[in-house]
Amino acid sequence: MEEYRTGTGQLIYVHPRGLCQDPTACVIHEPSDHHMIGWKTHWRGDRGLMERICPHDIGHPDPDHLDYSNEQTDGVHGCDGCCLEH
């Protein structure tokens, strides 16, 4: 396991580089070029979900995490519309 510090300062343990489920779109090691890429990451341990914190301090599921996840409910969140591509 590797240590990873989220954009909000959490220290979490993640899979090692090279063992990514999708090496072209790993939220930890190789984020894709989505419009939320510059937002801070935040781990939601209660949901097992990586979020991106928008400029309004609202957590939105990271698109790379959603692509990896099998849980349809992972996309459910209190949304202010920032996660929609502009």
C-alpha atoms as a PDB file:
ATOM      1  CA  MET A   1       0.000   0.000   0.000  1.00  0.00           C
ATOM      2  CA  GLU A   2       1.027   3.608  -0.604  1.00  0.00           C
ATOM      3  CA  GLU A   3       0.246   6.729   1.386  1.00  0.00           C
ATOM      4  CA  TYR A   4      -1.769   9.419  -0.401  1.00  0.00           C
ATOM      5  CA  ARG A   5      -2.601  12.852   0.973  1.00  0.00           C
ATOM      6  CA  THR A   6      -5.888  14.176  -0.392  1.00  0.00           C
ATOM      7  CA  GLY A   7      -6.355  17.798  -1.367  1.00  0.00           C
ATOM      8  CA  THR A   8      -8.197  18.325   1.918  1.00  0.00           C
ATOM      9  CA  GLY A   9      -5.258  16.954   3.938  1.00  0.00           C
ATOM     10  CA  GLN A  10      -6.457  13.424   4.716  1.00  0.00           C
ATOM     11  CA  LEU A  11      -3.835  10.690   4.794  1.00  0.00           C
ATOM     12  CA  ILE A  12      -5.190   7.489   3.251  1.00  0.00           C
ATOM     13  CA  TYR A  13      -3.634   4.246   2.043  1.00  0.00           C
ATOM     14  CA  VAL A  14      -4.137   3.338  -1.594  1.00  0.00           C
ATOM     15  CA  HIS A  15      -3.064   0.726  -4.124  1.00  0.00           C
ATOM     16  CA  PRO A  16       0.507   1.019  -5.434  1.00  0.00           C
ATOM     17  CA  ARG A  17       1.222   2.760  -8.738  1.00  0.00           C
ATOM     18  CA  GLY A  18       1.065   0.191 -11.498  1.00  0.00           C
ATOM     19  CA  LEU A  19      -1.826  -1.722  -9.938  1.00  0.00           C
ATOM     20  CA  CYS A  20      -4.486   0.766 -11.022  1.00  0.00           C
ATOM     21  CA  GLN A  21      -7.750  -0.743 -12.236  1.00  0.00           C
ATOM     22  CA  ASP A  22      -7.519   1.572 -15.261  1.00  0.00           C
ATOM     23  CA  PRO A  23      -4.001   3.001 -15.685  1.00  0.00           C
ATOM     24  CA  THR A  24      -5.323   5.733 -18.003  1.00  0.00           C
ATOM     25  CA  ALA A  25      -7.881   7.106 -15.535  1.00  0.00           C
ATOM     26  CA  CYS A  26      -6.887   6.532 -11.901  1.00  0.00           C
ATOM     27  CA  VAL A  27      -8.097   9.235  -9.532  1.00  0.00           C
ATOM     28  CA  ILE A  28      -4.909   8.770  -7.455  1.00  0.00           C
ATOM     29  CA  HIS A  29      -2.086   8.083  -9.902  1.00  0.00           C
ATOM     30  CA  GLU A  30      -3.299   9.204 -13.339  1.00  0.00           C
ATOM     31  CA  PRO A  31      -6.449  11.343 -13.267  1.00  0.00           C
ATOM     32  CA  SER A  32      -8.136  11.832 -16.624  1.00  0.00           C
ATOM     33  CA  ASP A  33      -8.475  15.305 -18.116  1.00  0.00           C
ATOM     34  CA  HIS A  34     -11.954  16.088 -16.759  1.00  0.00           C
ATOM     35  CA  HIS A  35     -13.201  19.579 -15.871  1.00  0.00           C
ATOM     36  CA  MET A  36     -12.912  18.959 -12.094  1.00  0.00           C
ATOM     37  CA  ILE A  37      -9.216  18.017 -12.237  1.00  0.00           C
ATOM     38  CA  GLY A  38      -8.103  21.176 -10.402  1.00  0.00           C
ATOM     39  CA  TRP A  39     -10.483  20.676  -7.492  1.00  0.00           C
ATOM     40  CA  LYS A  40      -9.266  19.182  -4.203  1.00  0.00           C
ATOM     41  CA  THR A  41      -9.732  15.462  -3.665  1.00  0.00           C
ATOM     42  CA  HIS A  42     -11.546  14.277  -0.534  1.00  0.00           C
ATOM     43  CA  TRP A  43     -12.027  10.660   0.578  1.00  0.00           C
ATOM     44  CA  ARG A  44     -15.509   9.790   1.873  1.00  0.00           C
ATOM     45  CA  GLY A  45     -14.742   6.782   4.033  1.00  0.00           C
ATOM     46  CA  ASP A  46     -18.392   6.439   4.989  1.00  0.00           C
ATOM     47  CA  ARG A  47     -19.256   5.808   1.330  1.00  0.00           C
ATOM     48  CA  GLY A  48     -15.953   4.459  -0.011  1.00  0.00           C
ATOM     49  CA  LEU A  49     -15.953   7.306  -2.516  1.00  0.00           C
ATOM     50  CA  MET A  50     -13.420   9.839  -3.781  1.00  0.00           C
ATOM     51  CA  GLU A  51     -14.905  13.267  -4.231  1.00  0.00           C
ATOM     52  CA  ARG A  52     -13.736  16.540  -5.732  1.00  0.00           C
ATOM     53  CA  ILE A  53     -14.513  19.667  -3.721  1.00  0.00           C
ATOM     54  CA  CYS A  54     -15.822  22.454  -5.954  1.00  0.00           C
ATOM     55  CA  PRO A  55     -15.120  26.178  -5.415  1.00  0.00           C
ATOM     56  CA  HIS A  56     -18.331  26.329  -3.322  1.00  0.00           C
ATOM     57  CA  ASP A  57     -17.002  23.632  -0.910  1.00  0.00           C
ATOM     58  CA  ILE A  58     -19.463  20.988  -2.109  1.00  0.00           C
ATOM     59  CA  GLY A  59     -18.277  17.413  -2.667  1.00  0.00           C
ATOM     60  CA  HIS A  60     -18.942  15.898  -6.093  1.00  0.00           C
ATOM     61  CA  PRO A  61     -18.018  12.290  -6.988  1.00  0.00           C
ATOM     62  CA  ASP A  62     -14.783  12.174  -8.962  1.00  0.00           C
ATOM     63  CA  PRO A  63     -15.521  11.073 -12.563  1.00  0.00           C
ATOM     64  CA  ASP A  64     -12.626   8.606 -12.554  1.00  0.00           C
ATOM     65  CA  HIS A  65     -13.961   7.013  -9.368  1.00  0.00           C
ATOM     66  CA  LEU A  66     -17.430   6.728 -10.912  1.00  0.00           C
ATOM     67  CA  ASP A  67     -15.963   5.029 -13.999  1.00  0.00           C
ATOM     68  CA  TYR A  68     -14.309   2.473 -11.689  1.00  0.00           C
ATOM     69  CA  SER A  69     -17.263   1.993  -9.327  1.00  0.00           C
ATOM     70  CA  ASN A  70     -19.963  -0.625  -9.722  1.00  0.00           C
ATOM     71  CA  GLU A  71     -22.284   1.153  -7.282  1.00  0.00           C
ATOM     72  CA  GLN A  72     -25.018   3.112  -9.063  1.00  0.00           C
ATOM     73  CA  THR A  73     -25.600   5.172  -5.911  1.00  0.00           C
ATOM     74  CA  ASP A  74     -22.033   6.569  -5.895  1.00  0.00           C
ATOM     75  CA  GLY A  75     -23.161   9.406  -8.178  1.00  0.00           C
ATOM     76  CA  VAL A  76     -25.855  10.565  -5.755  1.00  0.00           C
ATOM     77  CA  HIS A  77     -24.830  13.766  -3.971  1.00  0.00           C
ATOM     78  CA  GLY A  78     -25.944  17.229  -2.863  1.00  0.00           C
ATOM     79  CA  CYS A  79     -25.197  19.004  -6.122  1.00  0.00           C
ATOM     80  CA  ASP A  80     -24.960  22.690  -6.973  1.00  0.00           C
ATOM     81  CA  GLY A  81     -24.418  21.975 -10.674  1.00  0.00           C
ATOM     82  CA  CYS A  82     -20.649  22.435 -10.643  1.00  0.00           C
ATOM     83  CA  CYS A  83     -19.961  18.844 -11.619  1.00  0.00           C
ATOM     84  CA  LEU A  84     -21.888  19.216 -14.868  1.00  0.00           C
ATOM     85  CA  GLU A  85     -19.526  19.899 -17.759  1.00  0.00           C
ATOM     86  CA  HIS A  86     -19.761  23.419 -19.047  1.00  0.00           C
END
